[in-house]
Amino acid sequence: MSEPIVFATYDIKAEQWADFTKAAAMEGTDVAPYVLVYSRSPQDTSRTNNLASSVKTELDSATYAELRTIFRNLVDPKDNRHMSLRLFLILDEQSASDRDVLIVHREPEWVKADGTRLPCDPKELGRDDRDQFEPKVAWRRYRVPFGQAAYHWLVLEEKGPQQLEQDEQSRQWLQDVELAPIEEKALA
């Protein structure tokens, strides 16, 4: 099982991390396989079970684009690390008050000028119009309650966003979909 990175964009107290990991544990267990990152160049990317004390983040002014860059630099499919290659989470100031976490998921998509989107290469589908599709990366942001975090990242990791788009509540939690140029790592 992969372990998602959790970026802290505010100074997080040990009890706040404990609250998140307890609420966001795998259903029916106390397993919370998250990697807390609060630095632009983290030295330790192992699972963060608990914090001995509060941590001061270096990411308080990090933009969404900067967090995506840090994520891309941390995960490498060739390195075969334990971290999730397709998604990360963000604990922000709003998380502290509403107990919601942002889940950011990337997935390759093939997009046609008319807006038609496919989750796989149109060549594999044998489509006659396959030359009209351009490969992109879709970055989706969801804001979900702590208690739904494990379910959502597991579904996204194993089945992709199409599974969540069938669920009305999950569609309500979807905040944004941004298409970006294709990345080699996104196809891994």
Protein backbone atom coordinates (compact mmCIF):
# COMPACT_ATOMS: atom_id res chain seq x y z
CA MET A 1 0.00 0.00 0.00
CA SER A 2 1.28 3.42 -0.88
CA GLU A 3 1.49 6.19 1.68
CA PRO A 4 0.19 9.62 0.70
CA ILE A 5 2.15 12.76 1.45
CA VAL A 6 0.35 15.27 3.68
CA PHE A 7 1.62 18.82 3.29
CA ALA A 8 1.13 21.00 6.37
CA THR A 9 0.69 24.62 5.32
CA TYR A 10 0.26 25.81 8.89
CA ASP A 11 2.15 25.10 12.11
CA ILE A 12 0.66 21.84 13.30
CA LYS A 13 0.45 20.77 16.92
CA ALA A 14 1.02 17.18 17.98
CA GLU A 15 -2.63 16.87 19.07
CA GLN A 16 -3.88 18.20 15.70
CA TRP A 17 -1.82 15.58 13.86
CA ALA A 18 -3.11 12.90 16.26
CA ASP A 19 -6.69 14.06 15.62
CA PHE A 20 -6.19 13.85 11.85
CA THR A 21 -4.48 10.43 11.86
CA LYS A 22 -7.05 8.95 14.22
CA ALA A 23 -10.02 10.22 12.20
CA ALA A 24 -8.38 9.44 8.83
CA ALA A 25 -7.21 5.93 9.75
CA MET A 26 -8.10 2.96 7.58
CA GLU A 27 -11.66 1.88 8.36
CA GLY A 28 -11.85 -0.52 11.28
CA THR A 29 -8.16 -0.11 12.17
CA ASP A 30 -5.80 2.39 13.71
CA VAL A 31 -3.54 2.32 10.62
CA ALA A 32 -2.88 5.85 9.34
CA PRO A 33 -0.25 5.54 6.59
CA TYR A 34 0.51 9.22 6.07
CA VAL A 35 3.82 11.03 5.48
CA LEU A 36 3.80 14.52 7.01
CA VAL A 37 5.81 17.06 4.99
CA TYR A 38 6.31 20.59 6.33
CA SER A 39 9.56 21.50 4.57
CA ARG A 40 10.38 22.33 0.95
CA SER A 41 13.22 19.78 1.11
CA PRO A 42 12.20 17.09 3.61
CA GLN A 43 14.93 14.79 4.89
CA ASP A 44 12.56 12.17 6.30
CA THR A 45 9.78 10.79 4.11
CA SER A 46 8.81 7.84 6.26
CA ARG A 47 5.35 7.31 7.73
CA THR A 48 4.56 9.84 10.44
CA ASN A 49 2.75 7.93 13.17
CA ASN A 50 2.85 10.72 15.74
CA LEU A 51 4.58 13.95 16.58
CA ALA A 52 6.56 14.45 19.76
CA SER A 53 5.93 18.18 19.59
CA SER A 54 4.51 20.84 17.32
CA VAL A 55 6.15 21.42 13.95
CA LYS A 56 6.76 24.77 12.34
CA THR A 57 6.01 24.60 8.64
CA GLU A 58 8.08 26.14 5.88
CA LEU A 59 5.08 25.78 3.57
CA ASP A 60 2.80 28.46 5.04
CA SER A 61 3.20 30.66 1.96
CA ALA A 62 3.49 27.83 -0.58
CA THR A 63 1.13 28.12 -3.53
CA TYR A 64 -0.83 25.23 -4.93
CA ALA A 65 1.56 25.14 -7.92
CA GLU A 66 4.59 25.02 -5.57
CA LEU A 67 3.10 22.11 -3.61
CA ARG A 68 2.55 20.23 -6.88
CA THR A 69 6.20 20.84 -7.80
CA ILE A 70 7.44 19.63 -4.41
CA PHE A 71 5.21 16.56 -4.79
CA ARG A 72 6.57 15.80 -8.28
CA ASN A 73 10.12 16.15 -6.96
CA LEU A 74 9.48 13.81 -4.01
CA VAL A 75 7.84 10.94 -5.89
CA ASP A 76 9.64 9.02 -8.58
CA PRO A 77 8.15 5.88 -10.14
CA LYS A 78 11.64 4.61 -10.99
CA ASP A 79 12.67 4.90 -7.35
CA ASN A 80 9.77 2.61 -6.39
CA ARG A 81 9.23 4.50 -3.14
CA HIS A 82 6.48 3.77 -0.69
CA MET A 83 4.73 7.08 -1.39
CA SER A 84 1.65 7.52 -3.52
CA LEU A 85 2.59 8.60 -7.04
CA ARG A 86 -0.83 10.01 -7.91
CA LEU A 87 -2.03 12.06 -4.96
CA PHE A 88 -1.22 14.13 -1.93
CA LEU A 89 -3.16 15.78 0.87
CA ILE A 90 -3.01 19.30 2.30
CA LEU A 91 -3.73 20.28 5.88
CA ASP A 92 -4.32 24.04 5.84
CA GLU A 93 -5.65 26.67 8.24
CA GLN A 94 -9.21 25.74 7.28
CA SER A 95 -8.47 22.09 8.17
CA ALA A 96 -7.72 23.10 11.73
CA SER A 97 -11.19 24.55 12.22
CA ASP A 98 -13.48 22.43 10.01
CA ARG A 99 -11.59 19.08 10.22
CA ASP A 100 -11.50 18.77 6.43
CA VAL A 101 -8.45 17.92 4.35
CA LEU A 102 -7.69 18.69 0.71
CA ILE A 103 -6.93 15.68 -1.47
CA VAL A 104 -5.11 16.51 -4.70
CA HIS A 105 -5.11 13.79 -7.34
CA ARG A 106 -3.37 13.70 -10.72
CA GLU A 107 -4.39 11.44 -13.55
CA PRO A 108 -3.51 11.41 -17.23
CA GLU A 109 -6.41 12.27 -19.53
CA TRP A 110 -6.72 12.67 -23.26
CA VAL A 111 -8.63 15.78 -24.27
CA LYS A 112 -10.22 16.77 -27.56
CA ALA A 113 -10.75 20.42 -28.62
CA ASP A 114 -14.53 20.01 -28.15
CA GLY A 115 -13.96 19.12 -24.48
CA THR A 116 -14.34 15.34 -24.82
CA ARG A 117 -12.15 13.68 -22.21
CA LEU A 118 -10.96 10.09 -22.00
CA PRO A 119 -9.25 8.38 -19.04
CA CYS A 120 -7.06 6.28 -21.34
CA ASP A 121 -5.16 6.67 -24.60
CA PRO A 122 -7.68 6.77 -27.50
CA LYS A 123 -5.28 4.61 -29.54
CA GLU A 124 -5.89 1.78 -27.06
CA LEU A 125 -9.62 2.18 -27.68
CA GLY A 126 -9.14 2.05 -31.44
CA ARG A 127 -10.92 5.37 -31.94
CA ASP A 128 -11.00 6.81 -35.45
CA ASP A 129 -10.54 10.32 -34.05
CA ARG A 130 -7.53 9.41 -31.88
CA ASP A 131 -5.29 11.99 -33.57
CA GLN A 132 -7.59 14.77 -32.33
CA PHE A 133 -6.84 14.04 -28.67
CA GLU A 134 -4.01 15.64 -26.75
CA PRO A 135 -2.52 14.03 -23.61
CA LYS A 136 -2.91 16.15 -20.47
CA VAL A 137 -2.73 15.77 -16.71
CA ALA A 138 -5.93 16.42 -14.79
CA TRP A 139 -5.32 17.71 -11.26
CA ARG A 140 -8.46 17.31 -9.13
CA ARG A 141 -8.92 18.85 -5.68
CA TYR A 142 -11.38 17.47 -3.17
CA ARG A 143 -12.07 18.86 0.32
CA VAL A 144 -13.30 15.98 2.44
CA PRO A 145 -13.89 15.44 6.16
CA PHE A 146 -11.01 13.77 8.00
CA GLY A 147 -13.15 10.66 8.43
CA GLN A 148 -13.52 10.30 4.64
CA ALA A 149 -9.86 10.87 3.75
CA ALA A 150 -8.73 7.22 3.75
CA TYR A 151 -11.73 6.07 1.71
CA HIS A 152 -11.24 8.79 -0.90
CA TRP A 153 -7.51 8.37 -1.35
CA LEU A 154 -7.86 4.59 -1.61
CA VAL A 155 -10.59 4.88 -4.26
CA LEU A 156 -8.56 7.47 -6.17
CA GLU A 157 -5.40 5.38 -5.90
CA GLU A 158 -6.98 2.09 -6.94
CA LYS A 159 -9.88 3.02 -9.23
CA GLY A 160 -9.38 6.63 -10.26
CA PRO A 161 -11.67 9.64 -10.15
CA GLN A 162 -14.37 8.14 -12.37
CA GLN A 163 -15.49 5.95 -9.45
CA LEU A 164 -15.95 9.01 -7.21
CA GLU A 165 -17.73 10.99 -9.94
CA GLN A 166 -20.58 8.46 -9.70
CA ASP A 167 -21.17 9.40 -6.04
CA GLU A 168 -23.17 12.61 -5.49
CA GLN A 169 -21.51 13.46 -2.16
CA SER A 170 -18.03 13.04 -3.66
CA ARG A 171 -19.00 15.28 -6.58
CA GLN A 172 -19.97 17.96 -4.05
CA TRP A 173 -16.55 17.68 -2.40
CA LEU A 174 -14.78 18.12 -5.76
CA GLN A 175 -13.54 21.71 -5.80
CA ASP A 176 -11.58 22.04 -8.99
CA VAL A 177 -10.23 20.21 -12.05
CA GLU A 178 -7.25 21.78 -13.77
CA LEU A 179 -5.76 20.44 -16.99
CA ALA A 180 -2.01 20.82 -17.36
CA PRO A 181 0.61 19.66 -19.86
CA ILE A 182 1.37 15.94 -19.71
CA GLU A 183 4.15 14.80 -17.39
CA GLU A 184 6.10 11.60 -17.89
CA LYS A 185 5.69 10.75 -14.18
CA ALA A 186 1.89 11.10 -14.44
CA LEU A 187 1.77 8.20 -16.88
CA ALA A 188 3.62 5.82 -14.55
